[in-house]
Amino acid sequence: MPKKNGKKEGVFKEQNAAGETVLKAYYKNNKLDGVAEKYNEDGSIKARAEFKNGEKNGVSESFGRNGKILVRERYVNGVLEGVKENFRNDESLFSTIEYKDGKRIGKVKYYYENGKLLGEGTVGKMQFPDGDIREENVMLGTWRGYYPDGKLKKEVKFNETGTEADVKTYFQNGKISAEGKIMTKTRGDFWDKIGIWKYYYENGNIKYEKEIDDSERVRYLRGYYPSGKILYVNEDKYS
């Protein structure tokens, strides 16, 4: 590639053994500057990124073998910043995730193939009760999931310590299908049901109740007919 005063300057191309271009980039003062592109062996685009002073600055994109976009993200001085977009193979938007200083901090949204919202929530930093700090990607506040018609399907409200959450799920008619609490012992990586959980018929009447202890043992407490009359009462210990 051309050099100026011993430094890389201008267009740089890299070719494979067959002589096909697999990389094209621009240099200024020996640093990447401008748009750099990677190509598949058939010549289709594989990745594209904007550089300034040797670091990613601007939009960076990755593409599938079919040439359709898979990921679009934005950088400031080499660090992820702003909204990252993930796409399905048909280029329909799958999710958007906000980044701040390279960390997943902000709103998260998921989409159906038709573009309608599937779910949404917020992630961020959390200091847990034992003093341990996770810098990013902890689920915060209220998360919601939706049916394809936009009706509420699920709602999860996390507590301020990031260790417990109240959960409600809904039938498409808007009535509650189940409600209870979940907790985590692994800093939000895995969640387990705990305490009393209630399940309902679509007419809104309660169907049954169960209790789950810290060891994940389950005890079915009461069952009900759709009319609301008691079907059974269980006095047994945990199973």
Protein backbone atom coordinates (compact mmCIF):
# COMPACT_ATOMS: atom_id res chain seq x y z
CA MET A 1 0.00 0.00 0.00
CA PRO A 2 1.18 3.60 -0.48
CA LYS A 3 3.19 5.23 2.27
CA LYS A 4 4.05 8.81 3.11
CA ASN A 5 7.09 9.51 5.23
CA GLY A 6 7.16 5.82 6.14
CA LYS A 7 3.54 5.80 7.29
CA LYS A 8 0.52 4.06 5.76
CA GLU A 9 -1.51 6.49 3.72
CA GLY A 10 -4.48 5.97 1.43
CA VAL A 11 -6.22 2.83 0.24
CA PHE A 12 -5.24 -0.60 1.61
CA LYS A 13 -6.48 -3.85 0.07
CA GLU A 14 -5.96 -7.41 1.25
CA GLN A 15 -6.47 -10.36 -1.08
CA ASN A 16 -6.76 -14.10 -0.55
CA ALA A 17 -4.82 -16.81 -2.41
CA ALA A 18 -7.28 -16.63 -5.31
CA GLY A 19 -6.64 -12.92 -5.74
CA GLU A 20 -10.03 -11.88 -4.42
CA THR A 21 -10.28 -8.79 -2.27
CA VAL A 22 -11.30 -9.68 1.30
CA LEU A 23 -10.50 -6.36 2.97
CA LYS A 24 -10.54 -2.74 1.86
CA ALA A 25 -9.63 0.11 4.19
CA TYR A 26 -8.24 3.63 4.29
CA TYR A 27 -5.33 4.95 6.30
CA LYS A 28 -4.34 8.44 7.36
CA ASN A 29 -1.12 9.07 9.23
CA ASN A 30 -0.63 5.32 9.69
CA LYS A 31 -4.09 4.89 11.30
CA LEU A 32 -7.36 3.54 9.99
CA ASP A 33 -9.50 6.46 8.92
CA GLY A 34 -12.73 6.23 6.96
CA VAL A 35 -14.81 3.23 5.96
CA ALA A 36 -13.30 -0.27 6.16
CA GLU A 37 -15.03 -3.24 4.54
CA LYS A 38 -14.58 -7.01 4.74
CA TYR A 39 -15.84 -9.30 1.98
CA ASN A 40 -16.81 -12.94 1.59
CA GLU A 41 -15.13 -15.05 -1.10
CA ASP A 42 -18.04 -14.43 -3.45
CA GLY A 43 -17.50 -10.69 -3.14
CA SER A 44 -20.54 -10.02 -0.95
CA ILE A 45 -20.14 -7.69 1.99
CA LYS A 46 -19.26 -9.31 5.34
CA ALA A 47 -18.69 -6.28 7.57
CA ARG A 48 -18.43 -2.52 7.35
CA ALA A 49 -17.17 -0.02 9.94
CA GLU A 50 -16.29 3.65 10.18
CA PHE A 51 -12.91 4.60 11.66
CA LYS A 52 -11.25 7.77 12.82
CA ASN A 53 -7.73 8.05 14.23
CA GLY A 54 -7.41 4.26 14.27
CA GLU A 55 -10.55 3.58 16.30
CA LYS A 56 -14.11 2.74 15.42
CA ASN A 57 -16.13 5.94 15.28
CA GLY A 58 -19.62 5.85 13.82
CA VAL A 59 -21.67 2.98 12.45
CA SER A 60 -20.39 -0.62 12.36
CA GLU A 61 -22.36 -3.34 10.57
CA SER A 62 -22.15 -7.12 10.11
CA PHE A 63 -23.88 -9.05 7.33
CA GLY A 64 -24.96 -12.62 6.67
CA ARG A 65 -23.90 -14.75 3.70
CA ASN A 66 -26.95 -13.55 1.85
CA GLY A 67 -25.69 -9.97 2.16
CA LYS A 68 -28.48 -8.99 4.55
CA ILE A 69 -27.66 -7.08 7.68
CA LEU A 70 -27.41 -8.94 11.01
CA VAL A 71 -26.01 -6.33 13.42
CA ARG A 72 -25.75 -2.55 13.41
CA GLU A 73 -23.99 -0.76 16.24
CA ARG A 74 -22.38 2.59 16.93
CA TYR A 75 -19.00 3.49 18.39
CA VAL A 76 -17.40 6.57 19.90
CA ASN A 77 -13.59 6.40 20.11
CA GLY A 78 -13.65 2.61 19.97
CA VAL A 79 -16.36 2.16 22.59
CA LEU A 80 -19.94 0.99 22.01
CA GLU A 81 -22.35 3.87 22.55
CA GLY A 82 -26.05 4.22 21.80
CA VAL A 83 -28.45 1.71 20.31
CA LYS A 84 -27.29 -1.68 19.02
CA GLU A 85 -29.69 -3.32 16.54
CA ASN A 86 -29.89 -7.08 15.93
CA PHE A 87 -31.69 -8.46 12.87
CA ARG A 88 -33.04 -11.81 11.75
CA ASN A 89 -31.87 -13.47 8.54
CA ASP A 90 -34.74 -11.80 6.66
CA GLU A 91 -33.54 -8.38 7.93
CA SER A 92 -36.54 -7.93 10.22
CA LEU A 93 -35.55 -6.22 13.46
CA PHE A 94 -35.12 -8.67 16.34
CA SER A 95 -33.92 -6.45 19.19
CA THR A 96 -32.50 -3.09 20.20
CA ILE A 97 -30.16 -2.63 23.16
CA GLU A 98 -28.80 0.61 24.56
CA TYR A 99 -25.12 0.90 25.46
CA LYS A 100 -23.32 3.50 27.53
CA ASP A 101 -19.51 3.57 27.74
CA GLY A 102 -19.42 0.07 26.26
CA LYS A 103 -21.83 -1.40 28.81
CA ARG A 104 -25.40 -2.61 28.46
CA ILE A 105 -27.13 0.18 30.34
CA GLY A 106 -30.52 1.41 29.19
CA LYS A 107 -33.60 0.18 27.37
CA VAL A 108 -33.93 -3.25 25.75
CA LYS A 109 -36.66 -4.08 23.24
CA TYR A 110 -37.58 -7.25 21.33
CA TYR A 111 -39.78 -7.41 18.24
CA TYR A 112 -41.97 -9.84 16.35
CA GLU A 113 -41.14 -10.42 12.69
CA ASN A 114 -43.93 -8.04 11.69
CA GLY A 115 -42.25 -5.24 13.64
CA LYS A 116 -44.63 -5.20 16.58
CA LEU A 117 -43.19 -5.04 20.09
CA LEU A 118 -42.65 -8.44 21.75
CA GLY A 119 -41.08 -7.30 25.01
CA GLU A 120 -39.27 -4.41 26.69
CA GLY A 121 -37.39 -3.50 29.83
CA THR A 122 -34.34 -1.79 31.26
CA VAL A 123 -30.89 -3.07 32.24
CA GLY A 124 -28.15 -1.37 34.19
CA LYS A 125 -25.74 -1.36 37.09
CA MET A 126 -26.61 -2.91 40.45
CA GLN A 127 -25.00 -3.19 43.86
CA PHE A 128 -26.33 -6.32 45.54
CA PRO A 129 -27.06 -6.62 49.28
CA ASP A 130 -23.74 -8.40 49.94
CA GLY A 131 -21.84 -5.47 48.42
CA ASP A 132 -21.03 -7.14 45.12
CA ILE A 133 -21.41 -4.82 42.12
CA ARG A 134 -22.38 -5.81 38.60
CA GLU A 135 -21.53 -3.03 36.18
CA GLU A 136 -24.12 -3.81 33.50
CA ASN A 137 -26.95 -5.96 32.17
CA VAL A 138 -28.91 -6.37 35.42
CA MET A 139 -32.67 -6.31 34.84
CA LEU A 140 -34.21 -3.28 36.53
CA GLY A 141 -37.65 -1.79 37.06
CA THR A 142 -40.58 -3.28 35.17
CA TRP A 143 -40.28 -5.64 32.18
CA ARG A 144 -43.26 -6.36 29.95
CA GLY A 145 -44.04 -8.94 27.27
CA TYR A 146 -46.81 -8.64 24.69
CA TYR A 147 -49.00 -10.80 22.51
CA PRO A 148 -48.77 -10.21 18.72
CA ASP A 149 -51.87 -8.02 18.92
CA GLY A 150 -50.16 -5.74 21.44
CA LYS A 151 -52.04 -6.91 24.52
CA LEU A 152 -50.05 -7.40 27.72
CA LYS A 153 -48.84 -11.00 28.15
CA LYS A 154 -46.41 -10.77 31.08
CA GLU A 155 -45.23 -8.19 33.60
CA VAL A 156 -42.21 -8.56 35.88
CA LYS A 157 -41.44 -5.93 38.53
CA PHE A 158 -37.94 -6.20 40.00
CA ASN A 159 -37.16 -4.95 43.49
CA GLU A 160 -34.51 -2.32 44.26
CA THR A 161 -31.88 -4.89 45.27
CA GLY A 162 -32.15 -6.91 42.05
CA THR A 163 -32.81 -10.13 43.95
CA GLU A 164 -36.59 -10.58 43.72
CA ALA A 165 -39.43 -9.76 41.35
CA ASP A 166 -43.21 -9.95 41.27
CA VAL A 167 -44.59 -11.71 38.20
CA LYS A 168 -47.98 -11.58 36.55
CA THR A 169 -48.97 -13.34 33.33
CA TYR A 170 -52.16 -12.67 31.39
CA PHE A 171 -54.58 -14.41 29.07
CA GLN A 172 -55.34 -12.66 25.81
CA ASN A 173 -58.68 -11.58 27.26
CA GLY A 174 -56.74 -9.42 29.73
CA LYS A 175 -57.40 -11.51 32.82
CA ILE A 176 -54.53 -12.77 34.98
CA SER A 177 -53.40 -16.34 34.25
CA ALA A 178 -50.78 -16.60 37.03
CA GLU A 179 -49.03 -14.50 39.66
CA GLY A 180 -46.24 -14.99 42.15
CA LYS A 181 -42.68 -14.13 43.05
CA ILE A 182 -39.27 -15.11 41.65
CA MET A 183 -35.85 -14.74 43.24
CA THR A 184 -32.22 -15.12 42.22
CA LYS A 185 -29.18 -16.39 44.08
CA THR A 186 -26.85 -15.90 41.12
CA ARG A 187 -26.83 -12.13 40.58
CA GLY A 188 -29.69 -12.27 38.12
CA ASP A 189 -28.37 -15.05 35.88
CA PHE A 190 -30.99 -17.60 36.95
CA TRP A 191 -34.40 -17.01 38.52
CA ASP A 192 -36.54 -19.45 40.51
CA LYS A 193 -40.16 -19.32 41.64
CA ILE A 194 -40.60 -18.83 45.39
CA GLY A 195 -43.47 -18.52 47.85
CA ILE A 196 -47.16 -18.65 46.96
CA TRP A 197 -48.10 -18.89 43.27
CA LYS A 198 -51.69 -18.59 42.09
CA TYR A 199 -53.07 -19.82 38.76
CA TYR A 200 -56.40 -18.80 37.24
CA TYR A 201 -59.06 -19.88 34.77
CA GLU A 202 -59.75 -17.60 31.83
CA ASN A 203 -62.95 -16.48 33.50
CA GLY A 204 -60.84 -14.89 36.24
CA ASN A 205 -61.59 -17.44 38.97
CA ILE A 206 -58.66 -19.01 40.76
CA LYS A 207 -57.67 -22.51 39.56
CA TYR A 208 -55.11 -23.60 42.16
CA GLU A 209 -52.44 -22.36 44.56
CA LYS A 210 -49.03 -23.81 45.24
CA GLU A 211 -46.17 -22.95 47.58
CA ILE A 212 -42.48 -23.26 46.73
CA ASP A 213 -39.81 -23.13 49.45
CA ASP A 214 -36.13 -22.12 49.29
CA SER A 215 -35.16 -25.68 48.32
CA GLU A 216 -37.60 -25.59 45.36
CA ARG A 217 -39.92 -28.09 47.02
CA VAL A 218 -43.54 -27.68 45.91
CA ARG A 219 -46.72 -28.04 47.92
CA TYR A 220 -50.12 -27.75 46.23
CA LEU A 221 -52.34 -25.94 48.71
CA ARG A 222 -55.81 -25.60 47.20
CA GLY A 223 -57.59 -26.37 43.98
CA TYR A 224 -60.81 -24.87 42.65
CA TYR A 225 -63.54 -25.60 40.11
CA PRO A 226 -64.10 -22.97 37.37
CA SER A 227 -67.14 -21.87 39.35
CA GLY A 228 -64.90 -20.92 42.28
CA LYS A 229 -65.92 -23.80 44.56
CA ILE A 230 -63.09 -25.62 46.35
CA LEU A 231 -61.92 -28.82 44.65
CA TYR A 232 -59.33 -29.87 47.25
CA VAL A 233 -57.37 -28.63 50.25
CA ASN A 234 -53.94 -30.13 50.77
CA GLU A 235 -52.55 -30.38 54.30
CA ASP A 236 -49.56 -32.49 53.25
CA LYS A 237 -45.94 -31.40 53.52
CA TYR A 238 -43.77 -30.40 50.62
CA SER A 239 -43.27 -33.00 47.92
